Amino acid sequence: MAFEVTTSINLMFDFEFKYPVLEQVERIHRAGFDYLDFNFSDWSDSEKSPFAQENWREWVQSVRDYSDAHGIRFTQAHGPLYNVFGEDTPLKRQLDRLSVQSIEAAAIMGIPWIVYHAGTEPGEFDAAHIASLKEKNLRWFAPIVEACEKYNVGLAIENMASAFGKHHGTKSCYCSNTDDLIELVDAFGSDKVGICWDTGHANVEHTNQVEDLRKIGKRLKAIHIQDNNGVMDQHLPPYLGNLDWPLLMHTFREIGYEGPFTFEAHTEVRKMPSPCQDDAMRLLKSLGDYLVSLK
């Protein structure tokens, strides 16, 4: 089957909220993308965000109405990104609230799967610590899964990399090991919970992506397409890092993945001068069209 070439709208996100979301969507669509990923994380960690206001449903509905009117479909989303087991602060309470709110927002926009990261805490990352992290994540995700069941939206938990532990002050990062990720997802016992595979995260982890994707199999509900040098999470377009893209494309087809082909490759676009960003996005779309043509 032909994958839907999709990109996150974080390509055009501005952290000062100078550019309204519909301007971002319009520009990305004009560059050739009919399928988009909505990154709720971008719109969750500021009190100024329209997603954090009481009339947030009207804002979300305006995005749905615009996309419907212009032949755009949101195929995927990303929930808020933060340390879910971190210190209790007003910002963390907002992010906790918006994590659940994102499920209803995805439903309004017709988005079938939304991606989240599992939480991580300091420890030895031995069997006992991994078991503890699994149980804590099952409890933390419980209201999100409840919302998924209510609104008929799927939750896809993303693979991580051990090196990301430094962001949490830990020696590793939960769900860097694919077996741990599979065990967590299976423990929910819900067809509303699956896996998102980030090719860049896996490259930093130096995992065997072919073997791990075969293990995941039908649990795979979403993918994040990005490249890097195997050391840093660079969010580069394909072929600017060291990944074997024909092999990955063959593996996605081999395991029967049927979801969107979603770029999370914003770095090079954001670095470009504004007049050149449209060309950078068109190149990204061209790369996507080429990759999904591979068998």
Foldseek 3Di string as FASTA:
>chain_A
DFFQEEEELVLPDDLVCPDPPVNSVVLLVVLPHQEYEYECQSQQQDCPRCCLDPVNLVSLLVVLVVSVVVNHAYAEYEAHDDQQPDDDDPRSVSSLVRRLVVLVSCLSRVYAEYEYEQHDDADDPDPVRLVVSLVVRCVSCVSNVVSCVVSVHAYAYEAAAQVCCVVVPYRGGQRVDLVSVVVSQVVNVDPRYAHEYEPLRVLLNVDPVLVSLLVRQPSYAHYEDAAAQSNDSQLAAPPPYDDDLLVVLVSCVVSPHHGHPYYSRNRVLVVDPPVCNSVVSSVSVVSSVVSSVRD
